[in-house]
Amino acid sequence: MKIALLSMAMLGSQLVTPVSDRVPKLNVEATCKASVATDKAMGLDLAQSYEDCMRDENAAQQQLASVWLANSNELRNQCEGEATAAGSDSYVDLLTCLQMADPAKSPAPVPALRGASKNRNKN
């Protein structure tokens, strides 16, 4: 019986993937909704739609999947902190942070993504 439990414990530990080895799950839906509301309240002529914001966030999430493990745990944690600051989750910000740290690890060319990035209206 002890051997069976030990075997199960060892098998289970092999199936667990540390959270830092995966792109984090961010609540970009809420951030995109808030971004659209802010753009509308500001009366921006070129306000981004919710659909465009989500498209950009999903594109950034897909790009992150290919570069996430190419970066150190320390950098991933730092960038995740920046991308989720003040409750404004953004894959665009997370991807941008990683790209700025080491542009050589980024897939080229990278399309201009706005998403829910905190810097989206600075263009």
PDB file of N, CA and C in Angstrom:
ATOM      1  N   MET A   1       0.818  -1.190   0.000  1.00  0.00           N
ATOM      2  CA  MET A   1       0.000   0.000   0.000  1.00  0.00           C
ATOM      3  C   MET A   1       0.862   1.253   0.000  1.00  0.00           C
ATOM      4  N   LYS A   2       1.940   1.237   0.814  1.00  0.00           N
ATOM      5  CA  LYS A   2       2.829   2.400   0.883  1.00  0.00           C
ATOM      6  C   LYS A   2       3.486   2.648  -0.466  1.00  0.00           C
ATOM      7  N   ILE A   3       3.832   1.584  -1.173  1.00  0.00           N
ATOM      8  CA  ILE A   3       4.467   1.725  -2.479  1.00  0.00           C
ATOM      9  C   ILE A   3       3.501   2.353  -3.474  1.00  0.00           C
ATOM     10  N   ALA A   4       2.250   1.949  -3.425  1.00  0.00           N
ATOM     11  CA  ALA A   4       1.241   2.509  -4.329  1.00  0.00           C
ATOM     12  C   ALA A   4       1.053   3.993  -4.064  1.00  0.00           C
ATOM     13  N   LEU A   5       0.985   4.395  -2.807  1.00  0.00           N
ATOM     14  CA  LEU A   5       0.835   5.804  -2.472  1.00  0.00           C
ATOM     15  C   LEU A   5       2.061   6.608  -2.891  1.00  0.00           C
ATOM     16  N   LEU A   6       3.237   6.046  -2.667  1.00  0.00           N
ATOM     17  CA  LEU A   6       4.471   6.711  -3.069  1.00  0.00           C
ATOM     18  C   LEU A   6       4.522   6.866  -4.583  1.00  0.00           C
ATOM     19  N   SER A   7       4.123   5.834  -5.305  1.00  0.00           N
ATOM     20  CA  SER A   7       4.093   5.902  -6.767  1.00  0.00           C
ATOM     21  C   SER A   7       3.121   6.964  -7.254  1.00  0.00           C
ATOM     22  N   MET A   8       1.950   7.012  -6.634  1.00  0.00           N
ATOM     23  CA  MET A   8       0.957   8.014  -7.019  1.00  0.00           C
ATOM     24  C   MET A   8       1.461   9.417  -6.718  1.00  0.00           C
ATOM     25  N   ALA A   9       2.127   9.591  -5.585  1.00  0.00           N
ATOM     26  CA  ALA A   9       2.654  10.905  -5.218  1.00  0.00           C
ATOM     27  C   ALA A   9       3.730  11.345  -6.208  1.00  0.00           C
ATOM     28  N   MET A  10       4.583  10.411  -6.596  1.00  0.00           N
ATOM     29  CA  MET A  10       5.645  10.744  -7.547  1.00  0.00           C
ATOM     30  C   MET A  10       5.058  11.044  -8.925  1.00  0.00           C
ATOM     31  N   LEU A  11       4.073  10.292  -9.347  1.00  0.00           N
ATOM     32  CA  LEU A  11       3.447  10.518 -10.637  1.00  0.00           C
ATOM     33  C   LEU A  11       2.746  11.872 -10.652  1.00  0.00           C
ATOM     34  N   GLY A  12       2.036  12.186  -9.572  1.00  0.00           N
ATOM     35  CA  GLY A  12       1.333  13.459  -9.480  1.00  0.00           C
ATOM     36  C   GLY A  12       2.285  14.632  -9.519  1.00  0.00           C
ATOM     37  N   SER A  13       3.448  14.513  -8.912  1.00  0.00           N
ATOM     38  CA  SER A  13       4.388  15.629  -8.887  1.00  0.00           C
ATOM     39  C   SER A  13       4.984  15.884 -10.266  1.00  0.00           C
ATOM     40  N   GLN A  14       4.999  14.894 -11.132  1.00  0.00           N
ATOM     41  CA  GLN A  14       5.528  15.096 -12.473  1.00  0.00           C
ATOM     42  C   GLN A  14       4.541  15.833 -13.362  1.00  0.00           C
ATOM     43  N   LEU A  15       3.269  15.799 -13.029  1.00  0.00           N
ATOM     44  CA  LEU A  15       2.248  16.419 -13.850  1.00  0.00           C
ATOM     45  C   LEU A  15       2.004  17.882 -13.481  1.00  0.00           C
ATOM     46  N   VAL A  16       2.557  18.322 -12.364  1.00  0.00           N
ATOM     47  CA  VAL A  16       2.347  19.689 -11.907  1.00  0.00           C
ATOM     48  C   VAL A  16       3.332  20.612 -12.621  1.00  0.00           C
ATOM     49  N   THR A  17       2.810  21.668 -13.219  1.00  0.00           N
ATOM     50  CA  THR A  17       3.645  22.658 -13.872  1.00  0.00           C
ATOM     51  C   THR A  17       3.668  23.898 -13.003  1.00  0.00           C
ATOM     52  N   PRO A  18       4.863  24.358 -12.621  1.00  0.00           N
ATOM     53  CA  PRO A  18       4.916  25.571 -11.810  1.00  0.00           C
ATOM     54  C   PRO A  18       4.242  26.736 -12.533  1.00  0.00           C
ATOM     55  N   VAL A  19       3.570  27.588 -11.770  1.00  0.00           N
ATOM     56  CA  VAL A  19       2.844  28.704 -12.346  1.00  0.00           C
ATOM     57  C   VAL A  19       3.772  29.596 -13.166  1.00  0.00           C
ATOM     58  N   SER A  20       5.007  29.796 -12.735  1.00  0.00           N
ATOM     59  CA  SER A  20       5.923  30.677 -13.440  1.00  0.00           C
ATOM     60  C   SER A  20       6.331  30.125 -14.811  1.00  0.00           C
ATOM     61  N   ASP A  21       6.068  28.845 -15.063  1.00  0.00           N
ATOM     62  CA  ASP A  21       6.402  28.251 -16.353  1.00  0.00           C
ATOM     63  C   ASP A  21       5.294  28.435 -17.378  1.00  0.00           C
ATOM     64  N   ARG A  22       4.209  29.084 -16.977  1.00  0.00           N
ATOM     65  CA  ARG A  22       3.092  29.331 -17.887  1.00  0.00           C
ATOM     66  C   ARG A  22       2.797  30.823 -17.928  1.00  0.00           C
ATOM     67  N   VAL A  23       2.312  31.283 -19.065  1.00  0.00           N
ATOM     68  CA  VAL A  23       1.867  32.661 -19.169  1.00  0.00           C
ATOM     69  C   VAL A  23       0.726  32.831 -18.169  1.00  0.00           C
ATOM     70  N   PRO A  24       0.775  33.856 -17.324  1.00  0.00           N
ATOM     71  CA  PRO A  24      -0.289  34.016 -16.324  1.00  0.00           C
ATOM     72  C   PRO A  24      -1.642  34.292 -16.965  1.00  0.00           C
ATOM     73  N   LYS A  25      -2.683  33.931 -16.267  1.00  0.00           N
ATOM     74  CA  LYS A  25      -4.049  34.213 -16.715  1.00  0.00           C
ATOM     75  C   LYS A  25      -4.414  35.599 -16.202  1.00  0.00           C
ATOM     76  N   LEU A  26      -4.641  36.517 -17.132  1.00  0.00           N
ATOM     77  CA  LEU A  26      -4.975  37.886 -16.773  1.00  0.00           C
ATOM     78  C   LEU A  26      -6.429  38.190 -17.110  1.00  0.00           C
ATOM     79  N   ASN A  27      -7.035  39.078 -16.341  1.00  0.00           N
ATOM     80  CA  ASN A  27      -8.419  39.478 -16.570  1.00  0.00           C
ATOM     81  C   ASN A  27      -8.434  40.694 -17.497  1.00  0.00           C
ATOM     82  N   VAL A  28      -8.119  40.464 -18.755  1.00  0.00           N
ATOM     83  CA  VAL A  28      -8.062  41.568 -19.717  1.00  0.00           C
ATOM     84  C   VAL A  28      -9.455  42.030 -20.134  1.00  0.00           C
ATOM     85  N   GLU A  29     -10.458  41.191 -19.944  1.00  0.00           N
ATOM     86  CA  GLU A  29     -11.822  41.586 -20.297  1.00  0.00           C
ATOM     87  C   GLU A  29     -12.238  42.815 -19.491  1.00  0.00           C
ATOM     88  N   ALA A  30     -12.003  42.764 -18.189  1.00  0.00           N
ATOM     89  CA  ALA A  30     -12.365  43.887 -17.321  1.00  0.00           C
ATOM     90  C   ALA A  30     -11.539  45.122 -17.678  1.00  0.00           C
ATOM     91  N   THR A  31     -10.278  44.916 -17.969  1.00  0.00           N
ATOM     92  CA  THR A  31      -9.414  46.036 -18.322  1.00  0.00           C
ATOM     93  C   THR A  31      -9.840  46.672 -19.636  1.00  0.00           C
ATOM     94  N   CYS A  32     -10.206  45.850 -20.621  1.00  0.00           N
ATOM     95  CA  CYS A  32     -10.677  46.392 -21.900  1.00  0.00           C
ATOM     96  C   CYS A  32     -11.981  47.165 -21.721  1.00  0.00           C
ATOM     97  N   LYS A  33     -12.884  46.636 -20.909  1.00  0.00           N
ATOM     98  CA  LYS A  33     -14.147  47.345 -20.654  1.00  0.00           C
ATOM     99  C   LYS A  33     -13.873  48.701 -20.008  1.00  0.00           C
ATOM    100  N   ALA A  34     -12.978  48.718 -19.030  1.00  0.00           N
ATOM    101  CA  ALA A  34     -12.643  49.972 -18.355  1.00  0.00           C
ATOM    102  C   ALA A  34     -11.951  50.941 -19.312  1.00  0.00           C
ATOM    103  N   SER A  35     -11.104  50.400 -20.172  1.00  0.00           N
ATOM    104  CA  SER A  35     -10.389  51.226 -21.149  1.00  0.00           C
ATOM    105  C   SER A  35     -11.355  51.896 -22.121  1.00  0.00           C
ATOM    106  N   VAL A  36     -12.323  51.136 -22.599  1.00  0.00           N
ATOM    107  CA  VAL A  36     -13.325  51.678 -23.524  1.00  0.00           C
ATOM    108  C   VAL A  36     -14.145  52.760 -22.824  1.00  0.00           C
ATOM    109  N   ALA A  37     -14.532  52.515 -21.580  1.00  0.00           N
ATOM    110  CA  ALA A  37     -15.311  53.497 -20.827  1.00  0.00           C
ATOM    111  C   ALA A  37     -14.510  54.779 -20.608  1.00  0.00           C
ATOM    112  N   THR A  38     -13.224  54.641 -20.308  1.00  0.00           N
ATOM    113  CA  THR A  38     -12.369  55.811 -20.110  1.00  0.00           C
ATOM    114  C   THR A  38     -12.221  56.598 -21.398  1.00  0.00           C
ATOM    115  N   ASP A  39     -11.982  55.885 -22.511  1.00  0.00           N
ATOM    116  CA  ASP A  39     -11.861  56.555 -23.814  1.00  0.00           C
ATOM    117  C   ASP A  39     -13.139  57.329 -24.146  1.00  0.00           C
ATOM    118  N   LYS A  40     -14.280  56.706 -23.861  1.00  0.00           N
ATOM    119  CA  LYS A  40     -15.570  57.344 -24.155  1.00  0.00           C
ATOM    120  C   LYS A  40     -15.758  58.581 -23.280  1.00  0.00           C
ATOM    121  N   ALA A  41     -15.438  58.454 -22.002  1.00  0.00           N
ATOM    122  CA  ALA A  41     -15.581  59.580 -21.075  1.00  0.00           C
ATOM    123  C   ALA A  41     -14.666  60.747 -21.449  1.00  0.00           C
ATOM    124  N   MET A  42     -13.515  60.419 -22.029  1.00  0.00           N
ATOM    125  CA  MET A  42     -12.567  61.462 -22.444  1.00  0.00           C
ATOM    126  C   MET A  42     -12.953  62.066 -23.794  1.00  0.00           C
ATOM    127  N   GLY A  43     -13.905  61.443 -24.480  1.00  0.00           N
ATOM    128  CA  GLY A  43     -14.340  61.946 -25.772  1.00  0.00           C
ATOM    129  C   GLY A  43     -13.290  61.821 -26.860  1.00  0.00           C
ATOM    130  N   LEU A  44     -12.482  60.771 -26.792  1.00  0.00           N
ATOM    131  CA  LEU A  44     -11.427  60.575 -27.797  1.00  0.00           C
ATOM    132  C   LEU A  44     -12.020  60.326 -29.176  1.00  0.00           C
ATOM    133  N   ASP A  45     -11.452  60.976 -30.173  1.00  0.00           N
ATOM    134  CA  ASP A  45     -11.907  60.784 -31.551  1.00  0.00           C
ATOM    135  C   ASP A  45     -11.569  59.392 -32.066  1.00  0.00           C
ATOM    136  N   LEU A  46     -10.431  58.866 -31.654  1.00  0.00           N
ATOM    137  CA  LEU A  46      -9.984  57.550 -32.128  1.00  0.00           C
ATOM    138  C   LEU A  46     -10.030  56.517 -30.999  1.00  0.00           C
ATOM    139  N   ALA A  47     -11.124  56.512 -30.274  1.00  0.00           N
ATOM    140  CA  ALA A  47     -11.276  55.567 -29.173  1.00  0.00           C
ATOM    141  C   ALA A  47     -11.251  54.137 -29.702  1.00  0.00           C
ATOM    142  N   GLN A  48     -10.620  53.266 -28.934  1.00  0.00           N
ATOM    143  CA  GLN A  48     -10.528  51.860 -29.322  1.00  0.00           C
ATOM    144  C   GLN A  48     -11.786  51.120 -28.864  1.00  0.00           C
ATOM    145  N   SER A  49     -12.302  50.258 -29.712  1.00  0.00           N
ATOM    146  CA  SER A  49     -13.473  49.465 -29.347  1.00  0.00           C
ATOM    147  C   SER A  49     -13.058  48.310 -28.439  1.00  0.00           C
ATOM    148  N   TYR A  50     -14.037  47.764 -27.733  1.00  0.00           N
ATOM    149  CA  TYR A  50     -13.809  46.594 -26.885  1.00  0.00           C
ATOM    150  C   TYR A  50     -13.289  45.432 -27.727  1.00  0.00           C
ATOM    151  N   GLU A  51     -13.859  45.222 -28.896  1.00  0.00           N
ATOM    152  CA  GLU A  51     -13.451  44.117 -29.765  1.00  0.00           C
ATOM    153  C   GLU A  51     -11.996  44.273 -30.207  1.00  0.00           C
ATOM    154  N   ASP A  52     -11.603  45.492 -30.568  1.00  0.00           N
ATOM    155  CA  ASP A  52     -10.216  45.733 -30.967  1.00  0.00           C
ATOM    156  C   ASP A  52      -9.258  45.525 -29.798  1.00  0.00           C
ATOM    157  N   CYS A  53      -9.671  45.995 -28.633  1.00  0.00           N
ATOM    158  CA  CYS A  53      -8.855  45.819 -27.438  1.00  0.00           C
ATOM    159  C   CYS A  53      -8.643  44.332 -27.159  1.00  0.00           C
ATOM    160  N   MET A  54      -9.715  43.554 -27.191  1.00  0.00           N
ATOM    161  CA  MET A  54      -9.613  42.117 -26.930  1.00  0.00           C
ATOM    162  C   MET A  54      -8.797  41.408 -28.004  1.00  0.00           C
ATOM    163  N   ARG A  55      -8.942  41.826 -29.252  1.00  0.00           N
ATOM    164  CA  ARG A  55      -8.147  41.229 -30.327  1.00  0.00           C
ATOM    165  C   ARG A  55      -6.652  41.444 -30.062  1.00  0.00           C
ATOM    166  N   ASP A  56      -6.287  42.655 -29.690  1.00  0.00           N
ATOM    167  CA  ASP A  56      -4.890  42.952 -29.396  1.00  0.00           C
ATOM    168  C   ASP A  56      -4.394  42.174 -28.180  1.00  0.00           C
ATOM    169  N   GLU A  57      -5.200  42.101 -27.150  1.00  0.00           N
ATOM    170  CA  GLU A  57      -4.807  41.362 -25.942  1.00  0.00           C
ATOM    171  C   GLU A  57      -4.634  39.869 -26.247  1.00  0.00           C
ATOM    172  N   ASN A  58      -5.531  39.298 -27.033  1.00  0.00           N
ATOM    173  CA  ASN A  58      -5.413  37.880 -27.400  1.00  0.00           C
ATOM    174  C   ASN A  58      -4.198  37.633 -28.284  1.00  0.00           C
ATOM    175  N   ALA A  59      -3.898  38.558 -29.193  1.00  0.00           N
ATOM    176  CA  ALA A  59      -2.709  38.425 -30.040  1.00  0.00           C
ATOM    177  C   ALA A  59      -1.441  38.478 -29.182  1.00  0.00           C
ATOM    178  N   ALA A  60      -1.418  39.376 -28.204  1.00  0.00           N
ATOM    179  CA  ALA A  60      -0.260  39.484 -27.310  1.00  0.00           C
ATOM    180  C   ALA A  60      -0.113  38.214 -26.475  1.00  0.00           C
ATOM    181  N   GLN A  61      -1.230  37.660 -26.009  1.00  0.00           N
ATOM    182  CA  GLN A  61      -1.177  36.420 -25.232  1.00  0.00           C
ATOM    183  C   GLN A  61      -0.592  35.281 -26.067  1.00  0.00           C
ATOM    184  N   GLN A  62      -0.973  35.188 -27.331  1.00  0.00           N
ATOM    185  CA  GLN A  62      -0.429  34.148 -28.207  1.00  0.00           C
ATOM    186  C   GLN A  62       1.065  34.346 -28.427  1.00  0.00           C
ATOM    187  N   GLN A  63       1.491  35.577 -28.603  1.00  0.00           N
ATOM    188  CA  GLN A  63       2.919  35.848 -28.787  1.00  0.00           C
ATOM    189  C   GLN A  63       3.700  35.522 -27.515  1.00  0.00           C
ATOM    190  N   LEU A  64       3.104  35.785 -26.366  1.00  0.00           N
ATOM    191  CA  LEU A  64       3.765  35.479 -25.097  1.00  0.00           C
ATOM    192  C   LEU A  64       4.048  33.994 -24.957  1.00  0.00           C
ATOM    193  N   ALA A  65       3.145  33.163 -25.452  1.00  0.00           N
ATOM    194  CA  ALA A  65       3.330  31.712 -25.344  1.00  0.00           C
ATOM    195  C   ALA A  65       4.640  31.264 -25.971  1.00  0.00           C
ATOM    196  N   SER A  66       5.083  31.971 -27.015  1.00  0.00           N
ATOM    197  CA  SER A  66       6.309  31.557 -27.700  1.00  0.00           C
ATOM    198  C   SER A  66       7.576  32.149 -27.082  1.00  0.00           C
ATOM    199  N   VAL A  67       7.472  33.175 -26.242  1.00  0.00           N
ATOM    200  CA  VAL A  67       8.669  33.806 -25.678  1.00  0.00           C
ATOM    201  C   VAL A  67       8.757  33.694 -24.162  1.00  0.00           C
ATOM    202  N   TRP A  68       7.705  33.223 -23.524  1.00  0.00           N
ATOM    203  CA  TRP A  68       7.640  33.222 -22.065  1.00  0.00           C
ATOM    204  C   TRP A  68       8.822  32.495 -21.432  1.00  0.00           C
ATOM    205  N   LEU A  69       9.074  31.262 -21.819  1.00  0.00           N
ATOM    206  CA  LEU A  69      10.127  30.468 -21.181  1.00  0.00           C
ATOM    207  C   LEU A  69      11.534  30.881 -21.595  1.00  0.00           C
ATOM    208  N   ALA A  70      11.652  31.734 -22.609  1.00  0.00           N
ATOM    209  CA  ALA A  70      12.963  32.211 -23.041  1.00  0.00           C
ATOM    210  C   ALA A  70      13.495  33.296 -22.103  1.00  0.00           C
ATOM    211  N   ASN A  71      12.702  33.693 -21.139  1.00  0.00           N
ATOM    212  CA  ASN A  71      13.089  34.742 -20.200  1.00  0.00           C
ATOM    213  C   ASN A  71      13.232  34.173 -18.799  1.00  0.00           C
ATOM    214  N   SER A  72      14.026  34.835 -17.977  1.00  0.00           N
ATOM    215  CA  SER A  72      14.281  34.362 -16.615  1.00  0.00           C
ATOM    216  C   SER A  72      13.036  34.509 -15.740  1.00  0.00           C
ATOM    217  N   ASN A  73      12.989  33.708 -14.674  1.00  0.00           N
ATOM    218  CA  ASN A  73      11.893  33.810 -13.703  1.00  0.00           C
ATOM    219  C   ASN A  73      11.820  35.223 -13.144  1.00  0.00           C
ATOM    220  N   GLU A  74      12.970  35.796 -12.854  1.00  0.00           N
ATOM    221  CA  GLU A  74      13.024  37.133 -12.276  1.00  0.00           C
ATOM    222  C   GLU A  74      12.380  38.160 -13.211  1.00  0.00           C
ATOM    223  N   LEU A  75      12.733  38.107 -14.490  1.00  0.00           N
ATOM    224  CA  LEU A  75      12.162  39.051 -15.448  1.00  0.00           C
ATOM    225  C   LEU A  75      10.671  38.797 -15.636  1.00  0.00           C
ATOM    226  N   ARG A  76      10.269  37.534 -15.720  1.00  0.00           N
ATOM    227  CA  ARG A  76       8.850  37.222 -15.882  1.00  0.00           C
ATOM    228  C   ARG A  76       8.044  37.758 -14.708  1.00  0.00           C
ATOM    229  N   ASN A  77       8.562  37.574 -13.485  1.00  0.00           N
ATOM    230  CA  ASN A  77       7.867  38.071 -12.299  1.00  0.00           C
ATOM    231  C   ASN A  77       7.801  39.593 -12.290  1.00  0.00           C
ATOM    232  N   GLN A  78       8.898  40.240 -12.662  1.00  0.00           N
ATOM    233  CA  GLN A  78       8.931  41.698 -12.711  1.00  0.00           C
ATOM    234  C   GLN A  78       7.907  42.221 -13.728  1.00  0.00           C
ATOM    235  N   CYS A  79       7.919  41.654 -14.916  1.00  0.00           N
ATOM    236  CA  CYS A  79       7.009  42.108 -15.968  1.00  0.00           C
ATOM    237  C   CYS A  79       5.555  41.801 -15.632  1.00  0.00           C
ATOM    238  N   GLU A  80       5.314  40.662 -14.997  1.00  0.00           N
ATOM    239  CA  GLU A  80       3.942  40.343 -14.589  1.00  0.00           C
ATOM    240  C   GLU A  80       3.449  41.370 -13.573  1.00  0.00           C
ATOM    241  N   GLY A  81       4.317  41.766 -12.655  1.00  0.00           N
ATOM    242  CA  GLY A  81       3.942  42.792 -11.684  1.00  0.00           C
ATOM    243  C   GLY A  81       3.587  44.107 -12.352  1.00  0.00           C
ATOM    244  N   GLU A  82       4.382  44.494 -13.342  1.00  0.00           N
ATOM    245  CA  GLU A  82       4.109  45.736 -14.066  1.00  0.00           C
ATOM    246  C   GLU A  82       2.828  45.642 -14.883  1.00  0.00           C
ATOM    247  N   ALA A  83       2.573  44.479 -15.469  1.00  0.00           N
ATOM    248  CA  ALA A  83       1.404  44.297 -16.341  1.00  0.00           C
ATOM    249  C   ALA A  83       0.106  44.166 -15.568  1.00  0.00           C
ATOM    250  N   THR A  84       0.194  43.968 -14.257  1.00  0.00           N
ATOM    251  CA  THR A  84      -1.013  43.823 -13.446  1.00  0.00           C
ATOM    252  C   THR A  84      -1.126  44.921 -12.397  1.00  0.00           C
ATOM    253  N   ALA A  85      -0.290  45.938 -12.493  1.00  0.00           N
ATOM    254  CA  ALA A  85      -0.284  47.023 -11.509  1.00  0.00           C
ATOM    255  C   ALA A  85      -1.635  47.718 -11.459  1.00  0.00           C
ATOM    256  N   ALA A  86      -2.062  48.035 -10.276  1.00  0.00           N
ATOM    257  CA  ALA A  86      -3.305  48.780 -10.030  1.00  0.00           C
ATOM    258  C   ALA A  86      -4.538  48.071 -10.592  1.00  0.00           C
ATOM    259  N   GLY A  87      -4.463  46.747 -10.741  1.00  0.00           N
ATOM    260  CA  GLY A  87      -5.624  45.991 -11.199  1.00  0.00           C
ATOM    261  C   GLY A  87      -5.917  46.127 -12.682  1.00  0.00           C
ATOM    262  N   SER A  88      -4.998  46.687 -13.447  1.00  0.00           N
ATOM    263  CA  SER A  88      -5.180  46.834 -14.901  1.00  0.00           C
ATOM    264  C   SER A  88      -4.345  45.787 -15.607  1.00  0.00           C
ATOM    265  N   ASP A  89      -4.907  44.585 -15.765  1.00  0.00           N
ATOM    266  CA  ASP A  89      -4.195  43.473 -16.382  1.00  0.00           C
ATOM    267  C   ASP A  89      -4.093  43.665 -17.887  1.00  0.00           C
ATOM    268  N   SER A  90      -2.888  43.441 -18.441  1.00  0.00           N
ATOM    269  CA  SER A  90      -2.710  43.599 -19.880  1.00  0.00           C
ATOM    270  C   SER A  90      -1.604  42.692 -20.398  1.00  0.00           C
ATOM    271  N   TYR A  91      -1.975  41.795 -21.335  1.00  0.00           N
ATOM    272  CA  TYR A  91      -0.968  40.972 -22.008  1.00  0.00           C
ATOM    273  C   TYR A  91      -0.081  41.847 -22.895  1.00  0.00           C
ATOM    274  N   VAL A  92      -0.638  42.918 -23.437  1.00  0.00           N
ATOM    275  CA  VAL A  92       0.160  43.832 -24.267  1.00  0.00           C
ATOM    276  C   VAL A  92       1.282  44.423 -23.424  1.00  0.00           C
ATOM    277  N   ASP A  93       0.969  44.877 -22.203  1.00  0.00           N
ATOM    278  CA  ASP A  93       2.000  45.423 -21.323  1.00  0.00           C
ATOM    279  C   ASP A  93       3.015  44.354 -20.928  1.00  0.00           C
ATOM    280  N   LEU A  94       2.552  43.146 -20.669  1.00  0.00           N
ATOM    281  CA  LEU A  94       3.446  42.052 -20.296  1.00  0.00           C
ATOM    282  C   LEU A  94       4.408  41.729 -21.437  1.00  0.00           C
ATOM    283  N   LEU A  95       3.887  41.625 -22.646  1.00  0.00           N
ATOM    284  CA  LEU A  95       4.717  41.352 -23.812  1.00  0.00           C
ATOM    285  C   LEU A  95       5.703  42.484 -24.060  1.00  0.00           C
ATOM    286  N   THR A  96       5.237  43.712 -23.967  1.00  0.00           N
ATOM    287  CA  THR A  96       6.101  44.875 -24.187  1.00  0.00           C
ATOM    288  C   THR A  96       7.245  44.906 -23.183  1.00  0.00           C
ATOM    289  N   CYS A  97       6.954  44.604 -21.933  1.00  0.00           N
ATOM    290  CA  CYS A  97       7.991  44.573 -20.900  1.00  0.00           C
ATOM    291  C   CYS A  97       9.070  43.556 -21.237  1.00  0.00           C
ATOM    292  N   LEU A  98       8.664  42.350 -21.630  1.00  0.00           N
ATOM    293  CA  LEU A  98       9.633  41.311 -21.985  1.00  0.00           C
ATOM    294  C   LEU A  98      10.432  41.712 -23.221  1.00  0.00           C
ATOM    295  N   GLN A  99       9.762  42.312 -24.205  1.00  0.00           N
ATOM    296  CA  GLN A  99      10.448  42.718 -25.429  1.00  0.00           C
ATOM    297  C   GLN A  99      11.465  43.818 -25.155  1.00  0.00           C
ATOM    298  N   MET A 100      11.130  44.742 -24.288  1.00  0.00           N
ATOM    299  CA  MET A 100      12.040  45.841 -23.983  1.00  0.00           C
ATOM    300  C   MET A 100      13.260  45.348 -23.213  1.00  0.00           C
ATOM    301  N   ALA A 101      13.084  44.305 -22.415  1.00  0.00           N
ATOM    302  CA  ALA A 101      14.198  43.761 -21.642  1.00  0.00           C
ATOM    303  C   ALA A 101      15.215  43.071 -22.542  1.00  0.00           C
ATOM    304  N   ASP A 102      14.737  42.384 -23.592  1.00  0.00           N
ATOM    305  CA  ASP A 102      15.638  41.686 -24.506  1.00  0.00           C
ATOM    306  C   ASP A 102      14.981  41.568 -25.877  1.00  0.00           C
ATOM    307  N   PRO A 103      15.124  42.589 -26.720  1.00  0.00           N
ATOM    308  CA  PRO A 103      14.481  42.584 -28.035  1.00  0.00           C
ATOM    309  C   PRO A 103      14.885  41.397 -28.911  1.00  0.00           C
ATOM    310  N   ALA A 104      16.053  40.813 -28.675  1.00  0.00           N
ATOM    311  CA  ALA A 104      16.523  39.695 -29.494  1.00  0.00           C
ATOM    312  C   ALA A 104      15.660  38.449 -29.317  1.00  0.00           C
ATOM    313  N   LYS A 105      14.967  38.329 -28.188  1.00  0.00           N
ATOM    314  CA  LYS A 105      14.131  37.158 -27.939  1.00  0.00           C
ATOM    315  C   LYS A 105      12.722  37.317 -28.488  1.00  0.00           C
ATOM    316  N   SER A 106      12.411  38.472 -29.029  1.00  0.00           N
ATOM    317  CA  SER A 106      11.064  38.738 -29.541  1.00  0.00           C
ATOM    318  C   SER A 106      10.936  38.253 -30.965  1.00  0.00           C
ATOM    319  N   PRO A 107       9.762  37.699 -31.306  1.00  0.00           N
ATOM    320  CA  PRO A 107       9.539  37.334 -32.701  1.00  0.00           C
ATOM    321  C   PRO A 107       9.463  38.604 -33.542  1.00  0.00           C
ATOM    322  N   ALA A 108       9.961  38.561 -34.725  1.00  0.00           N
ATOM    323  CA  ALA A 108       9.948  39.750 -35.592  1.00  0.00           C
ATOM    324  C   ALA A 108       9.157  39.445 -36.845  1.00  0.00           C
ATOM    325  N   PRO A 109       8.473  40.366 -37.447  1.00  0.00           N
ATOM    326  CA  PRO A 109       8.156  41.675 -36.869  1.00  0.00           C
ATOM    327  C   PRO A 109       6.962  41.571 -35.941  1.00  0.00           C
ATOM    328  N   VAL A 110       6.878  42.492 -34.997  1.00  0.00           N
ATOM    329  CA  VAL A 110       5.788  42.516 -34.036  1.00  0.00           C
ATOM    330  C   VAL A 110       4.801  43.598 -34.456  1.00  0.00           C
ATOM    331  N   PRO A 111       3.536  43.225 -34.676  1.00  0.00           N
ATOM    332  CA  PRO A 111       2.560  44.241 -35.063  1.00  0.00           C
ATOM    333  C   PRO A 111       2.317  45.216 -33.914  1.00  0.00           C
ATOM    334  N   ALA A 112       1.915  46.415 -34.235  1.00  0.00           N
ATOM    335  CA  ALA A 112       1.605  47.411 -33.214  1.00  0.00           C
ATOM    336  C   ALA A 112       0.305  47.019 -32.522  1.00  0.00           C
ATOM    337  N   LEU A 113       0.399  46.696 -31.254  1.00  0.00           N
ATOM    338  CA  LEU A 113      -0.762  46.298 -30.466  1.00  0.00           C
ATOM    339  C   LEU A 113      -1.049  47.387 -29.441  1.00  0.00           C
ATOM    340  N   ARG A 114      -2.309  47.730 -29.302  1.00  0.00           N
ATOM    341  CA  ARG A 114      -2.700  48.727 -28.307  1.00  0.00           C
ATOM    342  C   ARG A 114      -3.319  48.041 -27.105  1.00  0.00           C
ATOM    343  N   GLY A 115      -4.294  47.173 -27.332  1.00  0.00           N
ATOM    344  CA  GLY A 115      -4.947  46.447 -26.261  1.00  0.00           C
ATOM    345  C   GLY A 115      -5.365  47.364 -25.129  1.00  0.00           C
ATOM    346  N   ALA A 116      -5.215  46.874 -23.913  1.00  0.00           N
ATOM    347  CA  ALA A 116      -5.564  47.656 -22.730  1.00  0.00           C
ATOM    348  C   ALA A 116      -4.314  48.253 -22.098  1.00  0.00           C
ATOM    349  N   SER A 117      -3.251  48.350 -22.869  1.00  0.00           N
ATOM    350  CA  SER A 117      -2.001  48.879 -22.377  1.00  0.00           C
ATOM    351  C   SER A 117      -2.187  50.246 -21.742  1.00  0.00           C
ATOM    352  N   LYS A 118      -1.495  50.464 -20.647  1.00  0.00           N
ATOM    353  CA  LYS A 118      -1.569  51.744 -19.975  1.00  0.00           C
ATOM    354  C   LYS A 118      -0.970  52.859 -20.829  1.00  0.00           C
ATOM    355  N   ASN A 119      -0.187  52.485 -21.842  1.00  0.00           N
ATOM    356  CA  ASN A 119       0.483  53.472 -22.692  1.00  0.00           C
ATOM    357  C   ASN A 119      -0.210  53.637 -24.033  1.00  0.00           C
ATOM    358  N   ARG A 120      -1.393  53.139 -24.218  1.00  0.00           N
ATOM    359  CA  ARG A 120      -2.036  53.094 -25.520  1.00  0.00           C
ATOM    360  C   ARG A 120      -2.364  54.456 -26.100  1.00  0.00           C
ATOM    361  N   ASN A 121      -2.636  55.452 -25.277  1.00  0.00           N
ATOM    362  CA  ASN A 121      -3.026  56.754 -25.795  1.00  0.00           C
ATOM    363  C   ASN A 121      -1.857  57.726 -25.886  1.00  0.00           C
ATOM    364  N   LYS A 122      -0.648  57.220 -25.745  1.00  0.00           N
ATOM    365  CA  LYS A 122       0.523  58.083 -25.804  1.00  0.00           C
ATOM    366  C   LYS A 122       1.126  58.143 -27.193  1.00  0.00           C
ATOM    367  N   ASN A 123       0.506  57.480 -28.185  1.00  0.00           N
ATOM    368  CA  ASN A 123       1.028  57.485 -29.563  1.00  0.00           C
ATOM    369  C   ASN A 123       0.688  58.786 -30.232  1.00  0.00           C
TER     370      ASN A 123
END
